[in-house]
PDB file of N, CA and C in Angstrom:
ATOM      1  N   MET A   1      67.678 158.142  82.003  1.00  0.00           N
ATOM      2  CA  MET A   1      67.502 157.344  83.208  1.00  0.00           C
ATOM      3  C   MET A   1      68.953 156.876  83.358  1.00  0.00           C
ATOM      4  N   SER A   2      69.521 156.968  84.553  1.00  0.00           N
ATOM      5  CA  SER A   2      70.995 156.272  84.536  1.00  0.00           C
ATOM      6  C   SER A   2      70.802 154.696  84.549  1.00  0.00           C
ATOM      7  N   LYS A   3      71.761 154.115  84.621  1.00  0.00           N
ATOM      8  CA  LYS A   3      71.825 152.493  84.699  1.00  0.00           C
ATOM      9  C   LYS A   3      71.741 152.004  86.235  1.00  0.00           C
ATOM     10  N   LYS A   4      70.882 151.307  86.561  1.00  0.00           N
ATOM     11  CA  LYS A   4      71.182 150.859  88.140  1.00  0.00           C
ATOM     12  C   LYS A   4      72.147 149.570  88.112  1.00  0.00           C
ATOM     13  N   LYS A   5      72.676 149.372  89.221  1.00  0.00           N
ATOM     14  CA  LYS A   5      73.078 147.982  89.729  1.00  0.00           C
ATOM     15  C   LYS A   5      72.617 147.403  90.583  1.00  0.00           C
ATOM     16  N   ALA A   6      72.265 146.285  90.549  1.00  0.00           N
ATOM     17  CA  ALA A   6      72.192 145.539  91.824  1.00  0.00           C
ATOM     18  C   ALA A   6      73.245 145.013  92.636  1.00  0.00           C
ATOM     19  N   PHE A   7      72.775 144.753  93.695  1.00  0.00           N
ATOM     20  CA  PHE A   7      73.622 144.626  94.897  1.00  0.00           C
ATOM     21  C   PHE A   7      72.968 144.324  95.953  1.00  0.00           C
ATOM     22  N   ALA A   8      73.772 142.848  96.987  1.00  0.00           N
ATOM     23  CA  ALA A   8      73.196 142.698  97.702  1.00  0.00           C
ATOM     24  C   ALA A   8      73.776 143.435  99.083  1.00  0.00           C
ATOM     25  N   LEU A   9      72.826 144.022 100.040  1.00  0.00           N
ATOM     26  CA  LEU A   9      73.054 144.740 101.121  1.00  0.00           C
ATOM     27  C   LEU A   9      72.534 143.849 102.719  1.00  0.00           C
ATOM     28  N   ARG A  10      73.675 143.533 103.652  1.00  0.00           N
ATOM     29  CA  ARG A  10      73.247 143.222 104.979  1.00  0.00           C
ATOM     30  C   ARG A  10      73.080 144.242 105.840  1.00  0.00           C
ATOM     31  N   ILE A  11      71.695 144.312 106.624  1.00  0.00           N
ATOM     32  CA  ILE A  11      71.249 145.605 107.514  1.00  0.00           C
ATOM     33  C   ILE A  11      70.803 145.035 108.189  1.00  0.00           C
ATOM     34  N   ASP A  12      71.044 145.641 109.689  1.00  0.00           N
ATOM     35  CA  ASP A  12      70.323 145.074 110.794  1.00  0.00           C
ATOM     36  C   ASP A  12      69.333 145.456 110.994  1.00  0.00           C
ATOM     37  N   GLU A  13      68.435 144.430 111.289  1.00  0.00           N
ATOM     38  CA  GLU A  13      66.562 144.005 111.135  1.00  0.00           C
ATOM     39  C   GLU A  13      66.162 145.594 111.572  1.00  0.00           C
ATOM     40  N   ASP A  14      66.200 145.846 112.619  1.00  0.00           N
ATOM     41  CA  ASP A  14      65.536 146.902 113.165  1.00  0.00           C
ATOM     42  C   ASP A  14      65.980 148.717 112.199  1.00  0.00           C
ATOM     43  N   LEU A  15      66.882 148.314 111.690  1.00  0.00           N
ATOM     44  CA  LEU A  15      67.094 149.570 110.823  1.00  0.00           C
ATOM     45  C   LEU A  15      66.591 149.573 109.732  1.00  0.00           C
ATOM     46  N   LEU A  16      66.370 148.459 109.180  1.00  0.00           N
ATOM     47  CA  LEU A  16      65.740 147.786 107.828  1.00  0.00           C
ATOM     48  C   LEU A  16      64.072 148.641 108.465  1.00  0.00           C
ATOM     49  N   ASN A  17      63.560 148.279 109.725  1.00  0.00           N
ATOM     50  CA  ASN A  17      62.371 148.403 109.547  1.00  0.00           C
ATOM     51  C   ASN A  17      61.700 150.038 109.986  1.00  0.00           C
ATOM     52  N   LEU A  18      62.754 150.506 110.387  1.00  0.00           N
ATOM     53  CA  LEU A  18      63.132 151.863 110.526  1.00  0.00           C
ATOM     54  C   LEU A  18      62.915 152.519 108.944  1.00  0.00           C
ATOM     55  N   VAL A  19      63.516 152.201 108.421  1.00  0.00           N
ATOM     56  CA  VAL A  19      63.921 152.571 106.774  1.00  0.00           C
ATOM     57  C   VAL A  19      62.434 152.142 105.793  1.00  0.00           C
ATOM     58  N   GLU A  20      61.916 151.034 106.081  1.00  0.00           N
ATOM     59  CA  GLU A  20      60.684 150.581 105.144  1.00  0.00           C
ATOM     60  C   GLU A  20      59.841 152.042 106.255  1.00  0.00           C
ATOM     61  N   LYS A  21      59.475 152.207 106.985  1.00  0.00           N
ATOM     62  CA  LYS A  21      58.200 152.739 108.087  1.00  0.00           C
ATOM     63  C   LYS A  21      58.513 154.275 106.931  1.00  0.00           C
ATOM     64  N   TRP A  22      59.569 154.680 107.333  1.00  0.00           N
ATOM     65  CA  TRP A  22      60.195 156.046 106.340  1.00  0.00           C
ATOM     66  C   TRP A  22      59.801 156.242 105.017  1.00  0.00           C
ATOM     67  N   ALA A  23      59.916 154.893 104.672  1.00  0.00           N
ATOM     68  CA  ALA A  23      59.749 154.975 102.864  1.00  0.00           C
ATOM     69  C   ALA A  23      58.252 155.109 102.939  1.00  0.00           C
ATOM     70  N   ALA A  24      57.630 154.329 103.562  1.00  0.00           N
ATOM     71  CA  ALA A  24      56.143 154.128 103.497  1.00  0.00           C
ATOM     72  C   ALA A  24      55.523 155.431 104.142  1.00  0.00           C
ATOM     73  N   ASP A  25      56.173 156.524 104.968  1.00  0.00           N
ATOM     74  CA  ASP A  25      55.587 157.921 105.270  1.00  0.00           C
ATOM     75  C   ASP A  25      55.920 158.711 103.930  1.00  0.00           C
ATOM     76  N   GLU A  26      56.516 158.344 103.339  1.00  0.00           N
ATOM     77  CA  GLU A  26      57.332 159.432 101.950  1.00  0.00           C
ATOM     78  C   GLU A  26      56.777 159.058 101.126  1.00  0.00           C
ATOM     79  N   PHE A  27      55.911 158.115 100.679  1.00  0.00           N
ATOM     80  CA  PHE A  27      55.599 156.984  99.767  1.00  0.00           C
ATOM     81  C   PHE A  27      56.484 156.751  98.649  1.00  0.00           C
ATOM     82  N   ARG A  28      57.214 156.458  99.264  1.00  0.00           N
ATOM     83  CA  ARG A  28      58.814 155.741  98.145  1.00  0.00           C
ATOM     84  C   ARG A  28      58.831 153.996  98.389  1.00  0.00           C
ATOM     85  N   SER A  29      59.698 153.602  97.938  1.00  0.00           N
ATOM     86  CA  SER A  29      60.057 152.434  97.757  1.00  0.00           C
ATOM     87  C   SER A  29      61.121 152.293  99.200  1.00  0.00           C
ATOM     88  N   THR A  30      61.163 151.139  99.512  1.00  0.00           N
ATOM     89  CA  THR A  30      62.185 150.983 100.177  1.00  0.00           C
ATOM     90  C   THR A  30      63.775 150.996  99.531  1.00  0.00           C
ATOM     91  N   ASN A  31      63.992 150.645  98.269  1.00  0.00           N
ATOM     92  CA  ASN A  31      64.785 150.766  97.457  1.00  0.00           C
ATOM     93  C   ASN A  31      65.077 152.334  97.383  1.00  0.00           C
ATOM     94  N   GLY A  32      63.733 152.775  96.866  1.00  0.00           N
ATOM     95  CA  GLY A  32      64.054 154.219  96.310  1.00  0.00           C
ATOM     96  C   GLY A  32      64.444 155.431  97.351  1.00  0.00           C
ATOM     97  N   GLN A  33      64.075 154.763  98.704  1.00  0.00           N
ATOM     98  CA  GLN A  33      64.324 155.378 100.090  1.00  0.00           C
ATOM     99  C   GLN A  33      66.015 155.554 100.453  1.00  0.00           C
ATOM    100  N   LEU A  34      66.360 153.896 100.012  1.00  0.00           N
ATOM    101  CA  LEU A  34      67.830 154.061 100.454  1.00  0.00           C
ATOM    102  C   LEU A  34      68.347 154.898  99.637  1.00  0.00           C
ATOM    103  N   GLU A  35      67.848 155.222  98.112  1.00  0.00           N
ATOM    104  CA  GLU A  35      68.772 156.057  97.521  1.00  0.00           C
ATOM    105  C   GLU A  35      68.369 157.351  97.488  1.00  0.00           C
ATOM    106  N   TRP A  36      67.542 157.629  97.776  1.00  0.00           N
ATOM    107  CA  TRP A  36      67.533 158.809  98.349  1.00  0.00           C
ATOM    108  C   TRP A  36      68.342 159.434  99.542  1.00  0.00           C
ATOM    109  N   ILE A  37      68.268 158.115 100.528  1.00  0.00           N
ATOM    110  CA  ILE A  37      69.294 158.716 101.809  1.00  0.00           C
ATOM    111  C   ILE A  37      70.670 158.753 101.408  1.00  0.00           C
ATOM    112  N   ILE A  38      71.013 157.842 100.503  1.00  0.00           N
ATOM    113  CA  ILE A  38      72.652 158.118  99.849  1.00  0.00           C
ATOM    114  C   ILE A  38      72.954 159.044  99.541  1.00  0.00           C
ATOM    115  N   HIS A  39      71.924 159.512  98.348  1.00  0.00           N
ATOM    116  CA  HIS A  39      72.509 160.523  97.660  1.00  0.00           C
ATOM    117  C   HIS A  39      72.374 162.004  98.683  1.00  0.00           C
ATOM    118  N   LYS A  40      71.494 162.143  99.346  1.00  0.00           N
ATOM    119  CA  LYS A  40      71.428 162.887 100.649  1.00  0.00           C
ATOM    120  C   LYS A  40      72.936 163.338 101.622  1.00  0.00           C
ATOM    121  N   ALA A  41      73.023 161.938 101.517  1.00  0.00           N
ATOM    122  CA  ALA A  41      74.452 161.779 102.435  1.00  0.00           C
ATOM    123  C   ALA A  41      75.993 162.214 101.151  1.00  0.00           C
ATOM    124  N   LEU A  42      75.646 161.850  99.975  1.00  0.00           N
ATOM    125  CA  LEU A  42      76.919 162.177  99.508  1.00  0.00           C
ATOM    126  C   LEU A  42      76.667 163.910  99.035  1.00  0.00           C
ATOM    127  N   ARG A  43      75.905 164.109  98.688  1.00  0.00           N
ATOM    128  CA  ARG A  43      75.770 165.876  98.550  1.00  0.00           C
ATOM    129  C   ARG A  43      76.046 166.225  99.838  1.00  0.00           C
ATOM    130  N   GLY A  44      75.980 166.249 101.049  1.00  0.00           N
ATOM    131  CA  GLY A  44      76.224 166.637 102.482  1.00  0.00           C
ATOM    132  C   GLY A  44      77.495 166.563 102.287  1.00  0.00           C
ATOM    133  N   ALA A  45      77.927 165.232 102.179  1.00  0.00           N
ATOM    134  CA  ALA A  45      79.678 165.548 102.391  1.00  0.00           C
ATOM    135  C   ALA A  45      80.208 166.085 101.114  1.00  0.00           C
ATOM    136  N   GLY A  46      79.706 166.679 100.314  1.00  0.00           N
ATOM    137  CA  GLY A  46      80.555 167.208  99.152  1.00  0.00           C
ATOM    138  C   GLY A  46      81.148 166.088  97.983  1.00  0.00           C
ATOM    139  N   ARG A  47      80.507 164.827  98.199  1.00  0.00           N
ATOM    140  CA  ARG A  47      81.010 164.326  97.040  1.00  0.00           C
ATOM    141  C   ARG A  47      80.580 164.325  95.412  1.00  0.00           C
ATOM    142  N   ILE A  48      79.002 165.218  95.820  1.00  0.00           N
ATOM    143  CA  ILE A  48      78.453 165.445  94.313  1.00  0.00           C
ATOM    144  C   ILE A  48      78.292 166.331  94.857  1.00  0.00           C
ATOM    145  N   LYS A  49      77.686 167.759  93.162  1.00  0.00           N
ATOM    146  CA  LYS A  49      77.157 168.811  93.338  1.00  0.00           C
ATOM    147  C   LYS A  49      75.594 168.572  93.696  1.00  0.00           C
ATOM    148  N   GLN A  50      75.388 170.181  94.502  1.00  0.00           N
ATOM    149  CA  GLN A  50      73.822 170.384  94.907  1.00  0.00           C
ATOM    150  C   GLN A  50      72.495 170.057  93.708  1.00  0.00           C
ATOM    151  N   ASN A  51      73.157 170.143  92.462  1.00  0.00           N
ATOM    152  CA  ASN A  51      72.353 170.208  91.212  1.00  0.00           C
ATOM    153  C   ASN A  51      72.457 168.623  90.364  1.00  0.00           C
ATOM    154  N   ASP A  52      73.280 167.884  91.346  1.00  0.00           N
ATOM    155  CA  ASP A  52      73.776 166.559  90.490  1.00  0.00           C
ATOM    156  C   ASP A  52      72.608 165.753  90.370  1.00  0.00           C
ATOM    157  N   LYS A  53      72.019 164.973  89.125  1.00  0.00           N
ATOM    158  CA  LYS A  53      71.046 164.317  89.480  1.00  0.00           C
ATOM    159  C   LYS A  53      71.403 162.734  89.738  1.00  0.00           C
ATOM    160  N   LYS A  54      72.694 162.728  89.481  1.00  0.00           N
ATOM    161  CA  LYS A  54      73.018 161.512  89.335  1.00  0.00           C
ATOM    162  C   LYS A  54      73.541 160.880  90.570  1.00  0.00           C
ATOM    163  N   GLU A  55      73.670 159.452  90.917  1.00  0.00           N
ATOM    164  CA  GLU A  55      74.037 159.207  92.648  1.00  0.00           C
ATOM    165  C   GLU A  55      75.721 159.393  92.743  1.00  0.00           C
ATOM    166  N   SER A  56      75.935 158.747  91.886  1.00  0.00           N
ATOM    167  CA  SER A  56      77.731 158.748  91.861  1.00  0.00           C
ATOM    168  C   SER A  56      78.006 158.720  90.212  1.00  0.00           C
ATOM    169  N   SER A  57      79.040 158.402  90.351  1.00  0.00           N
ATOM    170  CA  SER A  57      79.625 158.450  88.433  1.00  0.00           C
ATOM    171  C   SER A  57      80.195 157.671  88.520  1.00  0.00           C
ATOM    172  N   GLY A  58      79.837 156.335  88.944  1.00  0.00           N
ATOM    173  CA  GLY A  58      80.353 154.729  88.137  1.00  0.00           C
ATOM    174  C   GLY A  58      81.172 154.086  89.204  1.00  0.00           C
TER     175      GLY A  58
END
């Protein structure tokens, strides 16, 4: 499993509420949902390969 790095995130309260609801609907933690959203966006932007399991390369 890849190493996790903690960081603070300032986010609009309404936006966070929507992410929390989405996470609950998908049976994920809020953190897990944010990682999934970021991974999907990176893959969609061509920043990582479709089959790449890593979030980023460092």
